[in-house]
């Protein structure tokens, strides 16, 4: 179960990196599209047509952030109860808390742009917490002292 916990924690970190790359891909594509004469207005936003190919980055960012990462974080929390790593539940709980904050900031950032800025900062915290959670197993293995073995035998 320790391996499952570790994989899920690293998977959250990888997904956060995917999130960052997808939103930058979409933003760069949007900028290129506007420079080439594209107009981003309500009609373009509500159209079923894809105005530029990189718009898929916004879609991946939304699906990943609203569905995939929260599910992985919940699976991480569930698996933390079955691992025997010290601090695993606390680390997984922190990841889940930061995911909830991240989703909230992402949704509220559409209304209040300052919260959108915090969305990026919280992503860094979430990435760090996920890596910290994944490394809990290594920390426990390094800090556990070797147990001296008792000698069993008869005295001459």
Protein backbone atom coordinates (compact mmCIF):
# COMPACT_ATOMS: atom_id res chain seq x y z
CA UNK A 1 0.00 0.00 0.00
CA UNK A 2 3.00 2.27 0.51
CA UNK A 3 3.76 2.01 -3.20
CA UNK A 4 0.17 2.96 -4.13
CA UNK A 5 0.36 5.96 -1.79
CA UNK A 6 3.69 7.05 -3.27
CA UNK A 7 2.49 6.66 -6.87
CA UNK A 8 -0.71 8.62 -6.19
CA UNK A 9 1.21 11.43 -4.50
CA UNK A 10 3.66 11.71 -7.37
CA UNK A 11 0.75 11.52 -9.81
CA UNK A 12 -0.81 14.61 -8.18
CA UNK A 13 2.51 16.44 -8.63
CA UNK A 14 2.72 15.37 -12.28
CA UNK A 15 -0.87 16.47 -12.88
CA UNK A 16 -0.11 19.90 -11.41
CA UNK A 17 2.78 20.21 -13.87
CA UNK A 18 0.45 19.15 -16.70
CA UNK A 19 -1.99 21.83 -15.54
CA UNK A 20 0.67 24.52 -15.77
CA UNK A 21 1.85 23.41 -19.20
CA UNK A 22 -1.68 23.18 -20.61
CA UNK A 23 -2.75 26.64 -19.44
CA UNK A 24 0.44 28.17 -20.85
CA UNK A 25 -0.09 26.31 -24.15
CA UNK A 26 -3.62 27.68 -24.38
CA UNK A 27 -2.60 31.19 -23.36
CA UNK A 28 0.22 31.27 -25.91
CA UNK A 29 -2.14 30.00 -28.60
CA UNK A 30 -4.69 32.65 -27.67
CA UNK A 31 -2.05 35.37 -27.90
CA UNK A 32 -0.90 34.13 -31.30
CA UNK A 33 -4.50 33.94 -32.54
CA UNK A 34 -5.24 37.51 -31.41
CA UNK A 35 -2.00 38.78 -33.02
CA UNK A 36 -3.14 37.21 -36.29
CA UNK A 37 -6.41 39.13 -36.18
CA UNK A 38 -8.63 36.86 -34.09
CA UNK A 39 -11.15 38.59 -31.86
CA UNK A 40 -12.03 37.18 -28.46
CA UNK A 41 -15.57 38.29 -27.74
CA UNK A 42 -18.74 36.76 -26.38
CA UNK A 43 -19.61 35.26 -29.78
CA UNK A 44 -16.23 33.51 -29.98
CA UNK A 45 -16.58 32.21 -26.42
CA UNK A 46 -20.06 30.79 -27.01
CA UNK A 47 -19.29 29.35 -30.44
CA UNK A 48 -18.99 25.58 -30.82
CA UNK A 49 -16.12 26.05 -33.26
CA UNK A 50 -12.57 25.96 -31.94
CA UNK A 51 -11.07 29.39 -32.71
CA UNK A 52 -7.46 28.16 -32.44
CA UNK A 53 -5.96 24.69 -31.98
CA UNK A 54 -4.35 25.42 -28.62
CA UNK A 55 -7.78 25.99 -27.04
CA UNK A 56 -7.56 22.29 -26.13
CA UNK A 57 -5.19 23.43 -23.36
CA UNK A 58 -8.05 25.26 -21.63
CA UNK A 59 -10.20 22.14 -21.92
CA UNK A 60 -7.52 19.84 -20.50
CA UNK A 61 -6.85 22.35 -17.71
CA UNK A 62 -10.53 22.42 -16.76
CA UNK A 63 -11.10 18.66 -16.88
CA UNK A 64 -7.86 17.90 -15.06
CA UNK A 65 -8.45 20.47 -12.35
CA UNK A 66 -12.13 19.83 -11.74
CA UNK A 67 -12.22 16.04 -12.04
CA UNK A 68 -8.97 14.13 -12.34
CA UNK A 69 -6.80 15.79 -9.68
CA UNK A 70 -9.57 15.81 -7.02
CA UNK A 71 -10.20 12.08 -7.59
CA UNK A 72 -6.49 11.27 -7.35
CA UNK A 73 -6.21 13.38 -4.17
CA UNK A 74 -9.15 11.53 -2.59
CA UNK A 75 -7.60 8.17 -3.53
CA UNK A 76 -4.36 9.39 -1.96
CA UNK A 77 -6.18 10.23 1.26
CA UNK A 78 -7.93 6.85 1.31
CA UNK A 79 -4.67 5.00 0.70
CA UNK A 80 -2.97 7.00 3.46
CA UNK A 81 -5.16 5.26 6.05
CA UNK A 82 -3.77 1.89 5.00
CA UNK A 83 -0.09 2.79 4.75
CA UNK A 84 1.89 2.61 7.90
CA UNK A 85 3.93 5.68 7.18
CA UNK A 86 4.20 8.29 9.91
CA UNK A 87 2.48 11.50 8.86
CA UNK A 88 0.96 9.98 5.71
CA UNK A 89 -2.61 10.89 6.64
CA UNK A 90 -1.61 14.42 7.55
CA UNK A 91 0.34 14.88 4.30
CA UNK A 92 -2.51 13.45 2.20
CA UNK A 93 -5.01 15.61 4.09
CA UNK A 94 -2.92 18.67 3.26
CA UNK A 95 -2.94 17.68 -0.42
CA UNK A 96 -6.74 17.30 -0.37
CA UNK A 97 -7.14 20.65 1.40
CA UNK A 98 -4.93 22.39 -1.15
CA UNK A 99 -6.88 20.76 -4.00
CA UNK A 100 -10.13 22.11 -2.54
CA UNK A 101 -8.57 25.57 -2.23
CA UNK A 102 -7.20 25.28 -5.78
CA UNK A 103 -10.56 24.42 -7.30
CA UNK A 104 -12.22 27.23 -5.33
CA UNK A 105 -9.63 29.78 -6.42
CA UNK A 106 -9.97 28.63 -10.02
CA UNK A 107 -13.73 29.09 -9.97
CA UNK A 108 -13.70 32.36 -8.03
CA UNK A 109 -10.81 33.72 -10.11
CA UNK A 110 -13.23 34.32 -12.96
CA UNK A 111 -15.00 36.90 -10.80
CA UNK A 112 -12.09 38.34 -8.79
CA UNK A 113 -8.83 38.40 -10.73
CA UNK A 114 -6.66 38.59 -7.58
CA UNK A 115 -7.94 35.14 -6.64
CA UNK A 116 -6.81 33.97 -10.05
CA UNK A 117 -3.30 35.09 -9.13
CA UNK A 118 -3.51 33.10 -5.89
CA UNK A 119 -4.55 30.10 -8.01
CA UNK A 120 -1.02 30.00 -9.42
CA UNK A 121 0.63 30.40 -6.02
CA UNK A 122 -1.53 27.65 -4.54
CA UNK A 123 -0.54 25.38 -7.43
CA UNK A 124 3.08 25.66 -6.29
CA UNK A 125 2.04 24.81 -2.73
CA UNK A 126 0.02 21.84 -3.99
CA UNK A 127 2.95 20.56 -6.06
CA UNK A 128 5.26 20.85 -3.04
CA UNK A 129 2.78 19.14 -0.72
CA UNK A 130 2.32 16.26 -3.18
CA UNK A 131 6.08 15.71 -3.48
CA UNK A 132 6.39 15.95 0.31
CA UNK A 133 3.67 13.31 0.69
CA UNK A 134 5.36 11.03 -1.84
CA UNK A 135 8.67 11.29 -0.03
CA UNK A 136 7.18 10.32 3.35
CA UNK A 137 8.13 6.68 2.72
CA UNK A 138 11.74 7.53 2.09
CA UNK A 139 11.93 9.72 5.19
CA UNK A 140 10.52 6.92 7.33
CA UNK A 141 13.01 4.40 5.91
CA UNK A 142 15.99 6.69 6.49
CA UNK A 143 15.00 7.73 10.00
CA UNK A 144 14.19 4.23 11.26
CA UNK A 145 17.22 2.97 13.19
CA UNK A 146 18.32 -0.59 12.72
CA UNK A 147 17.05 -2.84 15.48
CA UNK A 148 19.78 -4.80 17.26
CA UNK A 149 19.13 -8.50 17.10
CA UNK A 150 19.12 -10.40 20.34
CA UNK A 151 21.57 -13.27 20.56
CA UNK A 152 20.02 -16.57 21.27
CA UNK A 153 22.24 -19.29 22.54
CA UNK A 154 23.42 -21.15 25.57
CA UNK A 155 26.29 -20.17 27.71
CA UNK A 156 28.91 -22.87 27.72
